[in-house]
Amino acid sequence: MQVKDIIQALQLTPRAGANGLDREISGGYVSDLLSDVMGHAREGQVWITIQAHKNVMAIASLKELAAVVLVRDRLPDEDTAAAANDESIPVLSTPLDAFEASGRLRDLLREG
């Protein structure tokens, strides 16, 4: 499954990094604690968070994540969007909260 395949189900709006919508998704990770994501997220996962600052992209790039989903209609900071575009890592926003977004992502990945 690719990032572009989850856009409708998670009510996602691409905000930056649109060149990466073909990235393959291996799973998901939900956390707002950057050190937790750095220590436990795996390559290809979609990171669901409320954090929207530039450090998010540093970790997303380091961990080679498939995408970052900002919940509750959060928008990426200007620096975050620029880094997402440079790294081709999509930053998407959703009106859903983290609980609902992660549940829907899990269901999609199970369906396959």
Protein backbone atom coordinates (compact mmCIF):
# COMPACT_ATOMS: atom_id res chain seq x y z
CA MET A 1 0.00 0.00 0.00
CA GLN A 2 1.25 3.48 -0.85
CA VAL A 3 0.70 6.80 0.92
CA LYS A 4 -1.66 7.96 -1.83
CA ASP A 5 -3.89 4.93 -1.10
CA ILE A 6 -4.77 6.10 2.43
CA ILE A 7 -5.75 9.69 1.60
CA GLN A 8 -9.51 9.18 1.28
CA ALA A 9 -9.97 6.74 4.18
CA LEU A 10 -8.11 8.96 6.65
CA GLN A 11 -9.60 12.19 5.25
CA LEU A 12 -6.08 13.41 4.48
CA THR A 13 -5.10 16.66 2.85
CA PRO A 14 -1.55 16.79 1.43
CA ARG A 15 0.25 19.81 2.90
CA ALA A 16 3.84 19.21 1.75
CA GLY A 17 6.13 16.55 0.30
CA ALA A 18 3.69 15.57 -2.46
CA ASN A 19 6.53 13.98 -4.46
CA GLY A 20 6.54 11.17 -1.90
CA LEU A 21 2.93 10.02 -2.26
CA ASP A 22 4.18 6.82 -3.93
CA ARG A 23 6.14 5.76 -0.82
CA GLU A 24 5.32 2.27 0.41
CA ILE A 25 3.72 1.94 3.84
CA SER A 26 4.91 -0.85 6.14
CA GLY A 27 2.83 0.13 9.18
CA GLY A 28 2.01 2.99 11.48
CA TYR A 29 3.34 4.63 14.61
CA VAL A 30 1.49 7.00 16.94
CA SER A 31 3.36 9.25 19.34
CA ASP A 32 3.84 12.91 20.17
CA LEU A 33 7.13 12.29 21.95
CA LEU A 34 10.00 12.76 19.48
CA SER A 35 12.46 10.58 21.40
CA ASP A 36 9.92 7.75 21.42
CA VAL A 37 9.54 7.91 17.65
CA MET A 38 13.30 8.11 17.19
CA GLY A 39 13.77 5.03 19.35
CA HIS A 40 10.92 2.84 18.13
CA ALA A 41 9.47 3.82 14.73
CA ARG A 42 10.57 1.73 11.77
CA GLU A 43 11.29 2.49 8.14
CA GLY A 44 8.18 2.83 5.98
CA GLN A 45 5.78 3.57 8.82
CA VAL A 46 3.27 6.43 8.82
CA TRP A 47 3.79 8.62 11.87
CA ILE A 48 0.56 10.01 13.34
CA THR A 49 1.12 13.02 15.60
CA ILE A 50 0.00 16.49 16.61
CA GLN A 51 3.58 17.82 16.41
CA ALA A 52 4.06 20.14 13.43
CA HIS A 53 7.52 21.71 13.89
CA LYS A 54 10.69 21.18 11.85
CA ASN A 55 12.18 18.56 14.20
CA VAL A 56 9.41 16.21 13.07
CA MET A 57 10.93 16.13 9.60
CA ALA A 58 14.43 15.52 10.94
CA ILE A 59 13.17 12.39 12.67
CA ALA A 60 10.96 11.33 9.74
CA SER A 61 13.99 11.55 7.45
CA LEU A 62 16.34 9.81 9.90
CA LYS A 63 13.89 6.92 10.36
CA GLU A 64 12.95 6.86 6.64
CA LEU A 65 9.25 7.10 7.43
CA ALA A 66 6.67 6.90 4.64
CA ALA A 67 4.68 9.97 5.78
CA VAL A 68 3.67 12.16 8.68
CA VAL A 69 -0.02 12.65 9.46
CA LEU A 70 -0.94 15.69 11.52
CA VAL A 71 -4.18 15.18 13.43
CA ARG A 72 -6.94 17.66 14.31
CA ASP A 73 -6.31 19.70 11.15
CA ARG A 74 -2.87 20.82 12.32
CA LEU A 75 -0.78 22.50 9.64
CA PRO A 76 2.97 22.09 9.28
CA ASP A 77 5.17 25.06 10.14
CA GLU A 78 6.74 26.76 7.13
CA ASP A 79 10.13 25.17 7.91
CA THR A 80 8.47 21.78 8.29
CA ALA A 81 6.81 22.06 4.88
CA ALA A 82 10.08 23.11 3.25
CA ALA A 83 11.91 20.13 4.79
CA ALA A 84 9.11 17.77 3.71
CA ASN A 85 9.42 19.02 0.16
CA ASP A 86 13.22 18.65 0.24
CA GLU A 87 13.00 15.09 1.60
CA SER A 88 9.91 14.07 -0.44
CA ILE A 89 8.25 12.84 2.75
CA PRO A 90 4.55 13.69 2.65
CA VAL A 91 3.06 15.72 5.47
CA LEU A 92 -0.70 15.27 5.49
CA SER A 93 -3.38 16.64 7.78
CA THR A 94 -6.66 15.13 8.91
CA PRO A 95 -9.58 16.42 10.96
CA LEU A 96 -9.56 13.09 12.82
CA ASP A 97 -7.95 12.69 16.22
CA ALA A 98 -4.99 10.32 16.68
CA PHE A 99 -7.17 7.49 18.00
CA GLU A 100 -9.51 7.50 15.00
CA ALA A 101 -6.75 8.04 12.42
CA SER A 102 -4.62 5.20 13.78
CA GLY A 103 -7.60 2.83 13.92
CA ARG A 104 -8.52 3.55 10.33
CA LEU A 105 -4.90 3.14 9.20
CA ARG A 106 -4.65 -0.19 11.02
CA ASP A 107 -7.86 -1.41 9.37
CA LEU A 108 -6.62 -0.39 5.92
CA LEU A 109 -3.30 -2.14 6.37
CA ARG A 110 -5.03 -5.31 7.56
CA GLU A 111 -7.33 -5.29 4.50
CA GLY A 112 -4.32 -4.94 2.44
